[in-house]
Amino acid sequence: MRYEDIWRIQDEITAAVNSVGFSLWDLHYDRGSFSFHLELDEHLSDETLSSFCSQMPLTADYDGEGSHGSLFTLYV
């Protein structure tokens, strides 16, 4: 994937996260798995997780809780 594509998708993910009222702690692309790893700056409740994933521009899986917030993987 080209750098420009990664940058554009990161912008789309950031906009989607912000539009549902949350903020990112970390967002990076993993070339080996062709996916983005996202950590929010807060921990989401079980009721919010499914809704959050459905609002993302890519298929998202919940990966548990990190030191700063909920963790997700988004697949290209």
PDB file of N, CA and C in Angstrom:
ATOM      1  N   MET A   1       0.854  -1.164   0.000  1.00  0.00           N
ATOM      2  CA  MET A   1       0.000   0.000   0.000  1.00  0.00           C
ATOM      3  C   MET A   1       0.904   1.232   0.000  1.00  0.00           C
ATOM      4  N   ARG A   2       0.535   2.213  -0.795  1.00  0.00           N
ATOM      5  CA  ARG A   2       1.311   3.450  -0.893  1.00  0.00           C
ATOM      6  C   ARG A   2       1.108   4.332   0.331  1.00  0.00           C
ATOM      7  N   TYR A   3       2.116   5.124   0.626  1.00  0.00           N
ATOM      8  CA  TYR A   3       2.055   6.034   1.764  1.00  0.00           C
ATOM      9  C   TYR A   3       0.831   6.946   1.690  1.00  0.00           C
ATOM     10  N   GLU A   4       0.534   7.449   0.490  1.00  0.00           N
ATOM     11  CA  GLU A   4      -0.609   8.351   0.320  1.00  0.00           C
ATOM     12  C   GLU A   4      -1.925   7.667   0.672  1.00  0.00           C
ATOM     13  N   ASP A   5      -2.036   6.384   0.333  1.00  0.00           N
ATOM     14  CA  ASP A   5      -3.244   5.620   0.663  1.00  0.00           C
ATOM     15  C   ASP A   5      -3.373   5.424   2.175  1.00  0.00           C
ATOM     16  N   ILE A   6      -2.251   5.105   2.818  1.00  0.00           N
ATOM     17  CA  ILE A   6      -2.257   4.931   4.272  1.00  0.00           C
ATOM     18  C   ILE A   6      -2.676   6.220   4.954  1.00  0.00           C
ATOM     19  N   TRP A   7      -2.111   7.321   4.524  1.00  0.00           N
ATOM     20  CA  TRP A   7      -2.415   8.635   5.101  1.00  0.00           C
ATOM     21  C   TRP A   7      -3.900   8.977   4.940  1.00  0.00           C
ATOM     22  N   ARG A   8      -4.458   8.715   3.741  1.00  0.00           N
ATOM     23  CA  ARG A   8      -5.875   9.002   3.468  1.00  0.00           C
ATOM     24  C   ARG A   8      -6.788   8.150   4.356  1.00  0.00           C
ATOM     25  N   ILE A   9      -6.468   6.871   4.479  1.00  0.00           N
ATOM     26  CA  ILE A   9      -7.288   5.982   5.305  1.00  0.00           C
ATOM     27  C   ILE A   9      -7.182   6.370   6.776  1.00  0.00           C
ATOM     28  N   GLN A  10      -5.994   6.744   7.242  1.00  0.00           N
ATOM     29  CA  GLN A  10      -5.847   7.204   8.620  1.00  0.00           C
ATOM     30  C   GLN A  10      -6.713   8.434   8.879  1.00  0.00           C
ATOM     31  N   ASP A  11      -6.786   9.334   7.903  1.00  0.00           N
ATOM     32  CA  ASP A  11      -7.664  10.502   8.039  1.00  0.00           C
ATOM     33  C   ASP A  11      -9.131  10.095   8.134  1.00  0.00           C
ATOM     34  N   GLU A  12      -9.544   9.122   7.318  1.00  0.00           N
ATOM     35  CA  GLU A  12     -10.925   8.636   7.351  1.00  0.00           C
ATOM     36  C   GLU A  12     -11.244   8.000   8.701  1.00  0.00           C
ATOM     37  N   ILE A  13     -10.327   7.206   9.221  1.00  0.00           N
ATOM     38  CA  ILE A  13     -10.530   6.563  10.520  1.00  0.00           C
ATOM     39  C   ILE A  13     -10.621   7.617  11.617  1.00  0.00           C
ATOM     40  N   THR A  14      -9.704   8.576  11.610  1.00  0.00           N
ATOM     41  CA  THR A  14      -9.710   9.644  12.615  1.00  0.00           C
ATOM     42  C   THR A  14     -11.014  10.426  12.579  1.00  0.00           C
ATOM     43  N   ALA A  15     -11.487  10.760  11.383  1.00  0.00           N
ATOM     44  CA  ALA A  15     -12.749  11.488  11.247  1.00  0.00           C
ATOM     45  C   ALA A  15     -13.919  10.668  11.777  1.00  0.00           C
ATOM     46  N   ALA A  16     -13.933   9.359  11.501  1.00  0.00           N
ATOM     47  CA  ALA A  16     -15.014   8.493  11.981  1.00  0.00           C
ATOM     48  C   ALA A  16     -15.005   8.404  13.503  1.00  0.00           C
ATOM     49  N   VAL A  17     -13.824   8.250  14.089  1.00  0.00           N
ATOM     50  CA  VAL A  17     -13.708   8.175  15.551  1.00  0.00           C
ATOM     51  C   VAL A  17     -14.200   9.473  16.181  1.00  0.00           C
ATOM     52  N   ASN A  18     -13.758  10.589  15.640  1.00  0.00           N
ATOM     53  CA  ASN A  18     -14.169  11.884  16.177  1.00  0.00           C
ATOM     54  C   ASN A  18     -15.664  12.132  16.003  1.00  0.00           C
ATOM     55  N   SER A  19     -16.237  11.652  14.904  1.00  0.00           N
ATOM     56  CA  SER A  19     -17.656  11.898  14.635  1.00  0.00           C
ATOM     57  C   SER A  19     -18.581  11.179  15.616  1.00  0.00           C
ATOM     58  N   VAL A  20     -18.090  10.097  16.232  1.00  0.00           N
ATOM     59  CA  VAL A  20     -18.912   9.396  17.221  1.00  0.00           C
ATOM     60  C   VAL A  20     -18.543   9.799  18.653  1.00  0.00           C
ATOM     61  N   GLY A  21     -17.717  10.850  18.775  1.00  0.00           N
ATOM     62  CA  GLY A  21     -17.464  11.445  20.077  1.00  0.00           C
ATOM     63  C   GLY A  21     -16.295  10.886  20.867  1.00  0.00           C
ATOM     64  N   PHE A  22     -15.370  10.201  20.199  1.00  0.00           N
ATOM     65  CA  PHE A  22     -14.211   9.646  20.885  1.00  0.00           C
ATOM     66  C   PHE A  22     -12.935  10.247  20.317  1.00  0.00           C
ATOM     67  N   SER A  23     -11.817   9.992  20.998  1.00  0.00           N
ATOM     68  CA  SER A  23     -10.511  10.484  20.552  1.00  0.00           C
ATOM     69  C   SER A  23      -9.526   9.332  20.508  1.00  0.00           C
ATOM     70  N   LEU A  24      -8.563   9.468  19.607  1.00  0.00           N
ATOM     71  CA  LEU A  24      -7.527   8.451  19.447  1.00  0.00           C
ATOM     72  C   LEU A  24      -6.374   8.675  20.401  1.00  0.00           C
ATOM     73  N   TRP A  25      -5.841   7.589  20.922  1.00  0.00           N
ATOM     74  CA  TRP A  25      -4.571   7.650  21.630  1.00  0.00           C
ATOM     75  C   TRP A  25      -3.445   7.258  20.666  1.00  0.00           C
ATOM     76  N   ASP A  26      -3.712   6.210  19.856  1.00  0.00           N
ATOM     77  CA  ASP A  26      -2.705   5.730  18.907  1.00  0.00           C
ATOM     78  C   ASP A  26      -3.402   5.150  17.690  1.00  0.00           C
ATOM     79  N   LEU A  27      -2.826   5.407  16.515  1.00  0.00           N
ATOM     80  CA  LEU A  27      -3.315   4.827  15.267  1.00  0.00           C
ATOM     81  C   LEU A  27      -2.110   4.620  14.371  1.00  0.00           C
ATOM     82  N   HIS A  28      -1.895   3.377  13.970  1.00  0.00           N
ATOM     83  CA  HIS A  28      -0.778   3.107  13.067  1.00  0.00           C
ATOM     84  C   HIS A  28      -1.113   1.940  12.142  1.00  0.00           C
ATOM     85  N   TYR A  29      -0.422   1.932  11.001  1.00  0.00           N
ATOM     86  CA  TYR A  29      -0.603   0.900   9.985  1.00  0.00           C
ATOM     87  C   TYR A  29       0.449  -0.180  10.180  1.00  0.00           C
ATOM     88  N   ASP A  30       0.024  -1.432  10.105  1.00  0.00           N
ATOM     89  CA  ASP A  30       0.921  -2.579  10.196  1.00  0.00           C
ATOM     90  C   ASP A  30       1.029  -3.206   8.804  1.00  0.00           C
ATOM     91  N   ARG A  31       2.160  -2.976   8.144  1.00  0.00           N
ATOM     92  CA  ARG A  31       2.346  -3.487   6.779  1.00  0.00           C
ATOM     93  C   ARG A  31       2.279  -5.014   6.709  1.00  0.00           C
ATOM     94  N   GLY A  32       2.759  -5.689   7.736  1.00  0.00           N
ATOM     95  CA  GLY A  32       2.776  -7.150   7.730  1.00  0.00           C
ATOM     96  C   GLY A  32       1.394  -7.779   7.691  1.00  0.00           C
ATOM     97  N   SER A  33       0.444  -7.153   8.369  1.00  0.00           N
ATOM     98  CA  SER A  33      -0.911  -7.715   8.427  1.00  0.00           C
ATOM     99  C   SER A  33      -1.915  -6.926   7.591  1.00  0.00           C
ATOM    100  N   PHE A  34      -1.459  -5.875   6.897  1.00  0.00           N
ATOM    101  CA  PHE A  34      -2.336  -5.025   6.090  1.00  0.00           C
ATOM    102  C   PHE A  34      -3.530  -4.528   6.903  1.00  0.00           C
ATOM    103  N   SER A  35      -3.225  -4.028   8.100  1.00  0.00           N
ATOM    104  CA  SER A  35      -4.299  -3.552   8.975  1.00  0.00           C
ATOM    105  C   SER A  35      -3.835  -2.333   9.762  1.00  0.00           C
ATOM    106  N   PHE A  36      -4.806  -1.632  10.317  1.00  0.00           N
ATOM    107  CA  PHE A  36      -4.538  -0.493  11.186  1.00  0.00           C
ATOM    108  C   PHE A  36      -4.837  -0.905  12.622  1.00  0.00           C
ATOM    109  N   HIS A  37      -3.984  -0.494  13.528  1.00  0.00           N
ATOM    110  CA  HIS A  37      -4.192  -0.749  14.948  1.00  0.00           C
ATOM    111  C   HIS A  37      -4.550   0.572  15.612  1.00  0.00           C
ATOM    112  N   LEU A  38      -5.630   0.564  16.348  1.00  0.00           N
ATOM    113  CA  LEU A  38      -6.190   1.777  16.927  1.00  0.00           C
ATOM    114  C   LEU A  38      -6.363   1.586  18.427  1.00  0.00           C
ATOM    115  N   GLU A  39      -5.977   2.587  19.193  1.00  0.00           N
ATOM    116  CA  GLU A  39      -6.268   2.607  20.623  1.00  0.00           C
ATOM    117  C   GLU A  39      -6.938   3.936  20.931  1.00  0.00           C
ATOM    118  N   LEU A  40      -8.100   3.854  21.562  1.00  0.00           N
ATOM    119  CA  LEU A  40      -8.808   5.056  21.981  1.00  0.00           C
ATOM    120  C   LEU A  40      -8.188   5.620  23.250  1.00  0.00           C
ATOM    121  N   ASP A  41      -8.577   6.836  23.592  1.00  0.00           N
ATOM    122  CA  ASP A  41      -8.067   7.419  24.840  1.00  0.00           C
ATOM    123  C   ASP A  41      -8.998   7.148  26.014  1.00  0.00           C
ATOM    124  N   GLU A  42      -9.952   6.235  25.827  1.00  0.00           N
ATOM    125  CA  GLU A  42     -10.833   5.825  26.922  1.00  0.00           C
ATOM    126  C   GLU A  42     -11.290   4.393  26.701  1.00  0.00           C
ATOM    127  N   HIS A  43     -11.760   3.765  27.763  1.00  0.00           N
ATOM    128  CA  HIS A  43     -12.241   2.385  27.709  1.00  0.00           C
ATOM    129  C   HIS A  43     -13.743   2.404  27.445  1.00  0.00           C
ATOM    130  N   LEU A  44     -14.181   1.670  26.415  1.00  0.00           N
ATOM    131  CA  LEU A  44     -15.595   1.623  26.056  1.00  0.00           C
ATOM    132  C   LEU A  44     -16.320   0.524  26.821  1.00  0.00           C
ATOM    133  N   SER A  45     -17.584   0.763  27.087  1.00  0.00           N
ATOM    134  CA  SER A  45     -18.416  -0.254  27.732  1.00  0.00           C
ATOM    135  C   SER A  45     -18.778  -1.337  26.705  1.00  0.00           C
ATOM    136  N   ASP A  46     -19.186  -2.481  27.191  1.00  0.00           N
ATOM    137  CA  ASP A  46     -19.578  -3.581  26.305  1.00  0.00           C
ATOM    138  C   ASP A  46     -20.702  -3.161  25.355  1.00  0.00           C
ATOM    139  N   GLU A  47     -21.625  -2.348  25.848  1.00  0.00           N
ATOM    140  CA  GLU A  47     -22.761  -1.918  25.029  1.00  0.00           C
ATOM    141  C   GLU A  47     -22.321  -1.003  23.885  1.00  0.00           C
ATOM    142  N   THR A  48     -21.225  -0.291  24.046  1.00  0.00           N
ATOM    143  CA  THR A  48     -20.767   0.684  23.062  1.00  0.00           C
ATOM    144  C   THR A  48     -19.869   0.058  21.997  1.00  0.00           C
ATOM    145  N   LEU A  49     -19.231  -1.069  22.304  1.00  0.00           N
ATOM    146  CA  LEU A  49     -18.246  -1.663  21.401  1.00  0.00           C
ATOM    147  C   LEU A  49     -18.806  -1.989  20.021  1.00  0.00           C
ATOM    148  N   SER A  50     -19.927  -2.666  19.950  1.00  0.00           N
ATOM    149  CA  SER A  50     -20.510  -3.069  18.677  1.00  0.00           C
ATOM    150  C   SER A  50     -20.892  -1.856  17.842  1.00  0.00           C
ATOM    151  N   SER A  51     -21.496  -0.882  18.478  1.00  0.00           N
ATOM    152  CA  SER A  51     -21.878   0.341  17.774  1.00  0.00           C
ATOM    153  C   SER A  51     -20.651   1.067  17.233  1.00  0.00           C
ATOM    154  N   PHE A  52     -19.603   1.137  18.045  1.00  0.00           N
ATOM    155  CA  PHE A  52     -18.375   1.795  17.608  1.00  0.00           C
ATOM    156  C   PHE A  52     -17.810   1.102  16.367  1.00  0.00           C
ATOM    157  N   CYS A  53     -17.710  -0.223  16.403  1.00  0.00           N
ATOM    158  CA  CYS A  53     -17.157  -0.963  15.264  1.00  0.00           C
ATOM    159  C   CYS A  53     -17.970  -0.734  13.996  1.00  0.00           C
ATOM    160  N   SER A  54     -19.269  -0.655  14.127  1.00  0.00           N
ATOM    161  CA  SER A  54     -20.120  -0.476  12.936  1.00  0.00           C
ATOM    162  C   SER A  54     -19.993   0.919  12.333  1.00  0.00           C
ATOM    163  N   GLN A  55     -19.467   1.865  13.078  1.00  0.00           N
ATOM    164  CA  GLN A  55     -19.292   3.232  12.572  1.00  0.00           C
ATOM    165  C   GLN A  55     -17.953   3.451  11.873  1.00  0.00           C
ATOM    166  N   MET A  56     -17.071   2.478  11.923  1.00  0.00           N
ATOM    167  CA  MET A  56     -15.750   2.627  11.325  1.00  0.00           C
ATOM    168  C   MET A  56     -15.804   2.426   9.809  1.00  0.00           C
ATOM    169  N   PRO A  57     -14.919   3.099   9.055  1.00  0.00           N
ATOM    170  CA  PRO A  57     -14.948   2.993   7.594  1.00  0.00           C
ATOM    171  C   PRO A  57     -14.391   1.674   7.052  1.00  0.00           C
ATOM    172  N   LEU A  58     -13.734   0.886   7.904  1.00  0.00           N
ATOM    173  CA  LEU A  58     -13.207  -0.434   7.541  1.00  0.00           C
ATOM    174  C   LEU A  58     -13.749  -1.461   8.530  1.00  0.00           C
ATOM    175  N   THR A  59     -13.683  -2.726   8.159  1.00  0.00           N
ATOM    176  CA  THR A  59     -14.080  -3.786   9.079  1.00  0.00           C
ATOM    177  C   THR A  59     -13.210  -3.716  10.329  1.00  0.00           C
ATOM    178  N   ALA A  60     -13.852  -3.658  11.495  1.00  0.00           N
ATOM    179  CA  ALA A  60     -13.123  -3.484  12.747  1.00  0.00           C
ATOM    180  C   ALA A  60     -13.415  -4.627  13.710  1.00  0.00           C
ATOM    181  N   ASP A  61     -12.370  -5.062  14.405  1.00  0.00           N
ATOM    182  CA  ASP A  61     -12.490  -6.075  15.455  1.00  0.00           C
ATOM    183  C   ASP A  61     -11.998  -5.479  16.762  1.00  0.00           C
ATOM    184  N   TYR A  62     -12.707  -5.788  17.815  1.00  0.00           N
ATOM    185  CA  TYR A  62     -12.297  -5.377  19.160  1.00  0.00           C
ATOM    186  C   TYR A  62     -11.180  -6.294  19.627  1.00  0.00           C
ATOM    187  N   ASP A  63     -10.073  -5.714  20.130  1.00  0.00           N
ATOM    188  CA  ASP A  63      -8.913  -6.494  20.555  1.00  0.00           C
ATOM    189  C   ASP A  63      -8.656  -6.463  22.049  1.00  0.00           C
ATOM    190  N   GLY A  64      -9.559  -5.905  22.816  1.00  0.00           N
ATOM    191  CA  GLY A  64      -9.369  -5.857  24.256  1.00  0.00           C
ATOM    192  C   GLY A  64      -9.076  -4.454  24.737  1.00  0.00           C
ATOM    193  N   GLU A  65      -8.488  -4.395  25.927  1.00  0.00           N
ATOM    194  CA  GLU A  65      -8.216  -3.097  26.548  1.00  0.00           C
ATOM    195  C   GLU A  65      -6.712  -2.873  26.656  1.00  0.00           C
ATOM    196  N   GLY A  66      -6.280  -1.698  26.232  1.00  0.00           N
ATOM    197  CA  GLY A  66      -4.883  -1.319  26.350  1.00  0.00           C
ATOM    198  C   GLY A  66      -4.667  -0.470  27.590  1.00  0.00           C
ATOM    199  N   SER A  67      -3.500   0.105  27.704  1.00  0.00           N
ATOM    200  CA  SER A  67      -3.180   0.904  28.887  1.00  0.00           C
ATOM    201  C   SER A  67      -3.908   2.244  28.890  1.00  0.00           C
ATOM    202  N   HIS A  68      -4.314   2.725  27.707  1.00  0.00           N
ATOM    203  CA  HIS A  68      -4.993   4.017  27.633  1.00  0.00           C
ATOM    204  C   HIS A  68      -6.465   3.919  27.268  1.00  0.00           C
ATOM    205  N   GLY A  69      -6.858   2.848  26.585  1.00  0.00           N
ATOM    206  CA  GLY A  69      -8.242   2.711  26.174  1.00  0.00           C
ATOM    207  C   GLY A  69      -8.478   1.427  25.407  1.00  0.00           C
ATOM    208  N   SER A  70      -9.649   1.327  24.798  1.00  0.00           N
ATOM    209  CA  SER A  70     -10.033   0.140  24.038  1.00  0.00           C
ATOM    210  C   SER A  70      -9.187   0.015  22.773  1.00  0.00           C
ATOM    211  N   LEU A  71      -8.847  -1.232  22.410  1.00  0.00           N
ATOM    212  CA  LEU A  71      -8.009  -1.531  21.250  1.00  0.00           C
ATOM    213  C   LEU A  71      -8.841  -2.161  20.135  1.00  0.00           C
ATOM    214  N   PHE A  72      -8.532  -1.780  18.894  1.00  0.00           N
ATOM    215  CA  PHE A  72      -9.233  -2.305  17.732  1.00  0.00           C
ATOM    216  C   PHE A  72      -8.232  -2.544  16.602  1.00  0.00           C
ATOM    217  N   THR A  73      -8.566  -3.503  15.745  1.00  0.00           N
ATOM    218  CA  THR A  73      -7.847  -3.714  14.492  1.00  0.00           C
ATOM    219  C   THR A  73      -8.837  -3.451  13.371  1.00  0.00           C
ATOM    220  N   LEU A  74      -8.412  -2.653  12.395  1.00  0.00           N
ATOM    221  CA  LEU A  74      -9.221  -2.347  11.221  1.00  0.00           C
ATOM    222  C   LEU A  74      -8.519  -2.905   9.996  1.00  0.00           C
ATOM    223  N   TYR A  75      -9.245  -3.693   9.196  1.00  0.00           N
ATOM    224  CA  TYR A  75      -8.658  -4.432   8.088  1.00  0.00           C
ATOM    225  C   TYR A  75      -8.907  -3.739   6.765  1.00  0.00           C
ATOM    226  N   VAL A  76      -7.833  -3.675   5.953  1.00  0.00           N
ATOM    227  CA  VAL A  76      -7.912  -3.046   4.625  1.00  0.00           C
ATOM    228  C   VAL A  76      -8.482  -4.051   3.664  1.00  0.00           C
TER     229      VAL A  76
END
